[in-house]
Amino acid sequence: MRTFRSISPERVHTGSGCIARLGRSLDDVAAKRVLVLTTASLSQFVNEIETLVGARHMGTFGGCSQHSPAASVGAAAVMAEGADAIISFGGGSVIDTAKAVAGRVGYPAQIAIPTTLSAGEFTPGAGITEETDRVKHVSVDMRALPKVVIHDPQLTQWTPRQLWLSSGIKALDHALETLWWVRPHPMTNVIAEDAAKRLLKWLPRSIDSNAIEAREHCLLGAWMSIQGLFAAGARLSHPLGHQIGAFWDVPHGITSCVTLPAVMRSLDELTSVVREQIAPLFGAADGQMAADVLTRYLKQLDLPTRLRETSAVREEIPMVAAAVTAEFEATGRSPEVNITELLESMW
């Protein structure tokens, strides 16, 4: 027996130029006082958003940062007092910050305008990092799910190359985690397979920021990739990525570049799904070969594939392993493999 939990925003606008629907979207949620959340790197591009918000604009918080530190969430929440709508403009950390802020100020309506392929705009989950211990805490609150998502590929043209590409690998991570979950759902399997194929095909073609069609395909692939994650669940790569990212300040997408090949090799020994369903997506016969193909694919995109290519510190691997294990335990699960050894294999 299986249960599928349907989770989705009320409206998703897609296509080049669909940012023009922002004003109507604000009308749809009856917004009168709107706070915009973004990052310092996007501050020079946020004017278009503010103009479309018009007289409803009560301010812009530009202090969102990687891995959604608790301090930035607190500062944004202060500015959000009295807002009846929050617009998040940026990547997954901005969107996570908005969800966490919404929970602190009475759940104003959220409109997410992503500029990466993280797909956090489609989930009620948020990962917030405590600066004191560098541990990421993940919470799920259905009331914090954005009501409207605007997927405009034109707004991704400002996204740095590595961030765009690595967030695409993060989306691929969503799809693979859906497929190799212990009890995958037949419906989400179909969607996840399509997402993986679409991302593998179109991500290299989207390197040119003017390749709008390719970027639109990637945004669709990211949307599809996340659909099964809450119905199935994150098996191994995501808990690793959460804590690698938070503890060593490694960008989310880069964590997936490092974890996916190693996890694929590890799960090849534990589940036939890797060999029978996932390996063929990479034109391979088993998980070992598929991991090799994926590694070459990542290198062709000039993305790191080892922890030593990031800001990770090898001597701290036991601490990160403990944080990963704690995340598993918090969800009532146990790791299927030795986490310390798996992290060492990524070095």
Protein backbone atom coordinates (compact mmCIF):
# COMPACT_ATOMS: atom_id res chain seq x y z
CA MET A 1 0.00 0.00 0.00
CA ARG A 2 1.20 3.51 -0.82
CA THR A 3 -0.01 7.01 -0.01
CA PHE A 4 0.78 9.93 -2.27
CA ARG A 5 0.79 13.36 -0.64
CA SER A 6 0.06 16.08 -3.17
CA ILE A 7 1.93 19.30 -2.41
CA SER A 8 1.85 22.21 -4.81
CA PRO A 9 1.47 26.00 -4.95
CA GLU A 10 -1.93 27.28 -6.05
CA ARG A 11 -0.53 28.82 -9.23
CA VAL A 12 2.65 28.38 -11.26
CA HIS A 13 3.35 30.85 -14.06
CA THR A 14 5.93 29.67 -16.59
CA GLY A 15 7.51 31.05 -19.74
CA SER A 16 9.62 33.92 -20.93
CA GLY A 17 8.23 37.24 -19.72
CA CYS A 18 5.77 35.77 -17.23
CA ILE A 19 7.12 38.11 -14.55
CA ALA A 20 4.51 40.49 -15.99
CA ARG A 21 1.95 38.38 -14.08
CA LEU A 22 3.33 39.56 -10.73
CA GLY A 23 0.84 42.39 -10.26
CA ARG A 24 -2.09 40.10 -10.98
CA SER A 25 -0.63 37.50 -8.63
CA LEU A 26 -0.53 40.08 -5.85
CA ASP A 27 -4.18 40.85 -6.57
CA ASP A 28 -4.97 37.13 -6.37
CA VAL A 29 -3.61 36.95 -2.81
CA ALA A 30 -5.16 40.33 -1.86
CA ALA A 31 -1.77 41.80 -1.03
CA LYS A 32 -1.56 45.38 0.21
CA ARG A 33 1.78 45.46 2.06
CA VAL A 34 4.54 43.52 0.34
CA LEU A 35 8.08 42.79 1.51
CA VAL A 36 10.66 41.64 -1.04
CA LEU A 37 13.45 39.29 0.08
CA THR A 38 16.61 38.90 -1.98
CA THR A 39 20.41 38.78 -1.76
CA ALA A 40 23.07 41.46 -2.05
CA SER A 41 24.17 39.95 -5.37
CA LEU A 42 20.71 40.53 -6.86
CA SER A 43 20.15 43.99 -5.38
CA GLN A 44 20.95 45.70 -8.67
CA PHE A 45 18.32 43.61 -10.48
CA VAL A 46 15.48 43.85 -7.99
CA ASN A 47 14.22 47.19 -9.33
CA GLU A 48 11.97 45.48 -11.89
CA ILE A 49 10.30 43.49 -9.10
CA GLU A 50 9.83 46.58 -6.94
CA THR A 51 8.35 48.50 -9.87
CA LEU A 52 5.81 45.78 -10.53
CA VAL A 53 4.88 45.72 -6.83
CA GLY A 54 4.29 49.46 -7.02
CA ALA A 55 2.60 51.26 -4.14
CA ARG A 56 2.25 48.01 -2.21
CA HIS A 57 6.01 47.82 -1.72
CA MET A 58 6.83 48.26 1.99
CA GLY A 59 10.53 47.49 1.69
CA THR A 60 13.24 45.16 0.44
CA PHE A 61 15.43 42.98 2.64
CA GLY A 62 18.65 42.24 0.76
CA GLY A 63 20.46 40.36 3.51
CA CYS A 64 19.53 36.78 2.63
CA SER A 65 22.59 34.57 2.36
CA GLN A 66 23.73 31.03 1.65
CA HIS A 67 22.20 28.28 3.82
CA SER A 68 19.73 30.72 5.42
CA PRO A 69 21.58 31.61 8.64
CA ALA A 70 19.30 32.07 11.63
CA ALA A 71 20.51 35.65 12.12
CA SER A 72 19.41 36.70 8.65
CA VAL A 73 16.04 35.02 9.17
CA GLY A 74 15.59 37.00 12.37
CA ALA A 75 16.52 40.29 10.72
CA ALA A 76 14.14 39.65 7.82
CA ALA A 77 11.34 38.75 10.22
CA VAL A 78 11.67 42.15 11.90
CA MET A 79 11.16 43.87 8.54
CA ALA A 80 8.26 41.54 7.71
CA GLU A 81 6.07 42.65 10.60
CA GLY A 82 2.83 43.94 9.13
CA ALA A 83 3.37 42.42 5.68
CA ASP A 84 0.50 40.51 4.12
CA ALA A 85 2.69 39.12 1.33
CA ILE A 86 6.35 38.20 0.90
CA ILE A 87 8.10 37.95 -2.45
CA SER A 88 11.28 35.86 -2.51
CA PHE A 89 13.56 36.71 -5.44
CA GLY A 90 16.64 34.52 -5.69
CA GLY A 91 17.81 30.96 -5.09
CA GLY A 92 16.87 28.31 -2.58
CA SER A 93 18.35 30.09 0.42
CA VAL A 94 16.23 33.18 -0.24
CA ILE A 95 13.12 31.04 -0.63
CA ASP A 96 13.92 29.07 2.54
CA THR A 97 14.43 32.34 4.41
CA ALA A 98 11.03 33.57 3.22
CA LYS A 99 9.33 30.37 4.41
CA ALA A 100 10.98 30.63 7.82
CA VAL A 101 10.07 34.30 8.08
CA ALA A 102 6.47 33.55 7.14
CA GLY A 103 6.24 31.14 10.06
CA ARG A 104 7.36 33.86 12.46
CA VAL A 105 4.99 36.62 11.35
CA GLY A 106 1.66 34.87 10.87
CA TYR A 107 2.04 33.22 7.47
CA PRO A 108 1.56 36.01 4.96
CA ALA A 109 1.08 34.85 1.36
CA GLN A 110 4.30 34.03 -0.45
CA ILE A 111 5.20 34.53 -4.08
CA ALA A 112 8.44 32.84 -5.11
CA ILE A 113 10.49 34.06 -8.07
CA PRO A 114 13.44 31.67 -8.33
CA THR A 115 16.65 32.47 -10.20
CA THR A 116 18.19 29.00 -9.78
CA LEU A 117 17.08 25.39 -10.20
CA SER A 118 16.88 24.48 -6.50
CA ALA A 119 13.07 24.00 -6.69
CA GLY A 120 12.62 25.00 -3.05
CA GLU A 121 9.68 27.11 -4.18
CA PHE A 122 7.63 23.92 -4.51
CA THR A 123 8.06 22.59 -0.98
CA PRO A 124 6.90 23.54 2.52
CA GLY A 125 10.32 22.64 3.93
CA ALA A 126 13.03 25.07 4.98
CA GLY A 127 16.57 24.48 6.15
CA ILE A 128 17.93 27.07 8.59
CA THR A 129 21.54 27.06 9.79
CA GLU A 130 22.46 27.86 13.37
CA GLU A 131 25.69 29.83 13.31
CA THR A 132 26.80 28.56 16.73
CA ASP A 133 27.24 24.92 15.73
CA ARG A 134 26.99 25.18 11.92
CA VAL A 135 24.22 22.58 11.88
CA LYS A 136 21.28 22.89 9.50
CA HIS A 137 17.85 22.21 10.97
CA VAL A 138 15.13 21.26 8.51
CA SER A 139 11.49 21.96 9.29
CA VAL A 140 8.32 21.28 7.31
CA ASP A 141 5.27 23.51 7.65
CA MET A 142 2.49 23.30 5.07
CA ARG A 143 1.39 26.84 5.95
CA ALA A 144 4.74 28.13 4.67
CA LEU A 145 4.32 26.75 1.14
CA PRO A 146 4.38 29.58 -1.45
CA LYS A 147 1.00 30.27 -3.02
CA VAL A 148 2.40 31.46 -6.34
CA VAL A 149 5.55 30.57 -8.27
CA ILE A 150 6.83 32.58 -11.23
CA HIS A 151 9.26 30.66 -13.45
CA ASP A 152 10.59 33.25 -15.90
CA PRO A 153 13.79 32.05 -17.64
CA GLN A 154 14.71 35.64 -18.48
CA LEU A 155 15.25 36.33 -14.78
CA THR A 156 17.91 33.60 -14.62
CA GLN A 157 20.21 35.43 -17.03
CA TRP A 158 21.92 37.18 -14.10
CA THR A 159 22.59 33.95 -12.21
CA PRO A 160 26.33 33.13 -12.05
CA ARG A 161 27.31 30.21 -14.29
CA GLN A 162 28.47 27.83 -11.54
CA LEU A 163 25.44 28.57 -9.37
CA TRP A 164 23.05 27.91 -12.26
CA LEU A 165 24.72 24.65 -13.29
CA SER A 166 25.25 23.30 -9.78
CA SER A 167 21.64 24.06 -8.81
CA GLY A 168 20.68 21.99 -11.86
CA ILE A 169 22.64 19.09 -10.37
CA LYS A 170 20.74 19.69 -7.14
CA ALA A 171 17.52 19.23 -9.13
CA LEU A 172 18.96 16.03 -10.60
CA ASP A 173 19.62 14.98 -7.00
CA HIS A 174 15.91 15.44 -6.22
CA ALA A 175 14.96 13.20 -9.11
CA LEU A 176 17.42 10.43 -8.23
CA GLU A 177 16.49 10.49 -4.54
CA THR A 178 12.87 10.01 -5.63
CA LEU A 179 13.78 7.04 -7.81
CA TRP A 180 15.98 5.18 -5.34
CA TRP A 181 13.78 5.74 -2.30
CA VAL A 182 12.92 2.54 -0.42
CA ARG A 183 9.23 2.69 -1.41
CA PRO A 184 9.06 4.78 -4.60
CA HIS A 185 5.66 5.74 -5.96
CA PRO A 186 4.85 4.71 -9.57
CA MET A 187 3.49 8.16 -10.47
CA THR A 188 6.41 10.14 -9.12
CA ASN A 189 8.84 7.68 -10.72
CA VAL A 190 7.56 8.67 -14.16
CA ILE A 191 7.92 12.36 -13.37
CA ALA A 192 11.36 11.92 -11.81
CA GLU A 193 12.65 9.95 -14.79
CA ASP A 194 11.50 12.67 -17.17
CA ALA A 195 13.08 15.32 -14.93
CA ALA A 196 16.43 13.52 -14.93
CA LYS A 197 16.42 13.07 -18.71
CA ARG A 198 15.41 16.69 -19.28
CA LEU A 199 18.08 18.08 -16.96
CA LEU A 200 20.85 15.88 -18.34
CA LYS A 201 19.97 16.98 -21.88
CA TRP A 202 19.31 20.67 -21.43
CA LEU A 203 21.61 21.76 -18.61
CA PRO A 204 24.78 21.85 -20.78
CA ARG A 205 22.82 23.73 -23.46
CA SER A 206 21.73 26.34 -20.91
CA ILE A 207 25.29 27.47 -20.14
CA ASP A 208 24.71 30.41 -22.47
CA SER A 209 22.53 32.74 -20.41
CA ASN A 210 20.74 33.77 -23.62
CA ALA A 211 19.65 30.18 -24.32
CA ILE A 212 16.15 30.92 -23.06
CA GLU A 213 14.54 27.76 -24.43
CA ALA A 214 17.16 25.57 -22.74
CA ARG A 215 16.71 27.45 -19.47
CA GLU A 216 12.95 27.05 -19.65
CA HIS A 217 13.41 23.28 -20.06
CA CYS A 218 15.72 23.28 -17.04
CA LEU A 219 13.18 25.16 -14.91
CA LEU A 220 10.53 22.63 -15.92
CA GLY A 221 12.92 19.79 -15.09
CA ALA A 222 13.59 21.30 -11.67
CA TRP A 223 9.84 21.59 -11.00
CA MET A 224 9.30 17.97 -12.03
CA SER A 225 12.28 16.78 -10.02
CA ILE A 226 10.86 17.89 -6.70
CA GLN A 227 7.38 16.41 -7.10
CA GLY A 228 8.23 13.02 -5.67
CA LEU A 229 10.55 14.06 -2.87
CA PHE A 230 7.84 14.58 -0.27
CA ALA A 231 5.79 11.61 -1.50
CA ALA A 232 8.84 9.34 -1.44
CA GLY A 233 11.54 10.93 0.67
CA ALA A 234 15.23 11.79 0.66
CA ARG A 235 17.21 8.59 1.05
CA LEU A 236 20.86 9.50 1.48
CA SER A 237 22.23 12.30 -0.68
CA HIS A 238 20.09 15.05 0.82
CA PRO A 239 20.93 14.54 4.51
CA LEU A 240 24.60 14.48 3.50
CA GLY A 241 24.20 17.66 1.47
CA HIS A 242 22.33 19.49 4.22
CA GLN A 243 25.14 19.09 6.73
CA ILE A 244 28.10 19.33 4.33
CA GLY A 245 26.66 22.61 3.12
CA ALA A 246 25.90 24.11 6.51
CA PHE A 247 29.03 22.95 8.35
CA TRP A 248 31.58 23.82 5.66
CA ASP A 249 29.59 26.58 3.91
CA VAL A 250 29.52 24.63 0.65
CA PRO A 251 26.80 25.81 -1.78
CA HIS A 252 23.80 23.48 -2.02
CA GLY A 253 24.31 22.59 -5.64
CA ILE A 254 27.99 21.83 -5.13
CA THR A 255 27.12 19.41 -2.34
CA SER A 256 25.07 17.38 -4.82
CA CYS A 257 27.98 17.38 -7.30
CA VAL A 258 30.09 15.74 -4.60
CA THR A 259 27.56 13.41 -3.00
CA LEU A 260 25.69 11.98 -5.98
CA PRO A 261 28.45 9.85 -7.56
CA ALA A 262 29.47 8.42 -4.18
CA VAL A 263 25.88 7.72 -3.12
CA MET A 264 25.15 6.11 -6.49
CA ARG A 265 28.08 3.74 -6.02
CA SER A 266 27.04 2.97 -2.45
CA LEU A 267 23.37 2.33 -3.23
CA ASP A 268 24.28 0.14 -6.20
CA GLU A 269 25.10 -2.52 -3.63
CA LEU A 270 21.85 -2.02 -1.70
CA THR A 271 19.11 -1.69 -4.30
CA SER A 272 18.53 -3.07 -7.78
CA VAL A 273 16.74 0.18 -8.71
CA VAL A 274 20.08 1.87 -9.30
CA ARG A 275 21.10 -0.82 -11.78
CA GLU A 276 17.73 -1.35 -13.45
CA GLN A 277 16.19 2.12 -13.57
CA ILE A 278 18.81 4.79 -12.91
CA ALA A 279 21.92 3.47 -14.66
CA PRO A 280 20.17 3.41 -18.07
CA LEU A 281 19.50 7.14 -17.75
CA PHE A 282 23.28 7.55 -17.93
CA GLY A 283 23.74 4.95 -20.65
CA ALA A 284 25.35 2.60 -18.14
CA ALA A 285 24.89 -1.00 -17.01
CA ASP A 286 25.19 -0.47 -13.25
CA GLY A 287 25.61 2.17 -10.58
CA GLN A 288 29.39 2.05 -10.67
CA MET A 289 29.48 2.85 -14.39
CA ALA A 290 26.69 5.43 -14.03
CA ALA A 291 28.66 7.20 -11.31
CA ASP A 292 31.67 7.36 -13.64
CA VAL A 293 29.50 8.82 -16.42
CA LEU A 294 28.05 11.39 -14.01
CA THR A 295 31.52 12.35 -12.79
CA ARG A 296 32.67 12.99 -16.37
CA TYR A 297 29.48 14.98 -17.01
CA LEU A 298 30.19 17.17 -13.97
CA LYS A 299 33.79 17.73 -15.00
CA GLN A 300 32.66 18.77 -18.48
CA LEU A 301 30.50 21.40 -16.76
CA ASP A 302 33.59 22.43 -14.77
CA LEU A 303 31.94 21.52 -11.46
CA PRO A 304 33.80 20.02 -8.47
CA THR A 305 33.30 16.34 -7.68
CA ARG A 306 35.38 15.88 -4.50
CA LEU A 307 35.18 17.37 -1.02
CA ARG A 308 38.82 18.46 -1.29
CA GLU A 309 37.80 20.79 -4.13
CA THR A 310 35.49 22.67 -1.75
CA SER A 311 35.97 24.46 1.58
CA ALA A 312 35.63 21.15 3.47
CA VAL A 313 38.16 20.27 6.19
CA ARG A 314 39.06 16.59 6.26
CA GLU A 315 39.75 16.52 10.02
CA GLU A 316 36.15 17.64 10.63
CA ILE A 317 34.55 14.73 8.76
CA PRO A 318 33.58 12.94 12.03
CA MET A 319 31.68 16.05 13.17
CA VAL A 320 29.77 16.27 9.90
CA ALA A 321 29.07 12.53 10.05
CA ALA A 322 27.56 13.03 13.51
CA ALA A 323 25.33 15.85 12.22
CA VAL A 324 24.18 13.70 9.29
CA THR A 325 23.39 10.81 11.64
CA ALA A 326 21.46 13.16 13.93
CA GLU A 327 19.36 14.33 10.98
CA PHE A 328 18.53 10.73 10.15
CA GLU A 329 17.58 10.02 13.76
CA ALA A 330 15.36 13.09 13.90
CA THR A 331 13.22 11.51 11.16
CA GLY A 332 13.16 8.10 12.84
CA ARG A 333 15.57 6.52 10.39
CA SER A 334 19.05 5.03 10.54
CA PRO A 335 21.75 5.48 7.89
CA GLU A 336 22.10 2.45 5.65
CA VAL A 337 25.85 2.89 5.35
CA ASN A 338 28.78 4.06 7.45
CA ILE A 339 28.52 7.84 7.04
CA THR A 340 32.11 8.55 8.04
CA GLU A 341 33.44 6.08 5.48
CA LEU A 342 31.13 7.49 2.82
CA LEU A 343 32.34 11.03 3.48
CA GLU A 344 35.95 9.83 3.36
CA SER A 345 35.25 8.26 -0.04
CA MET A 346 34.18 11.69 -1.27
CA TRP A 347 37.48 13.29 -0.26
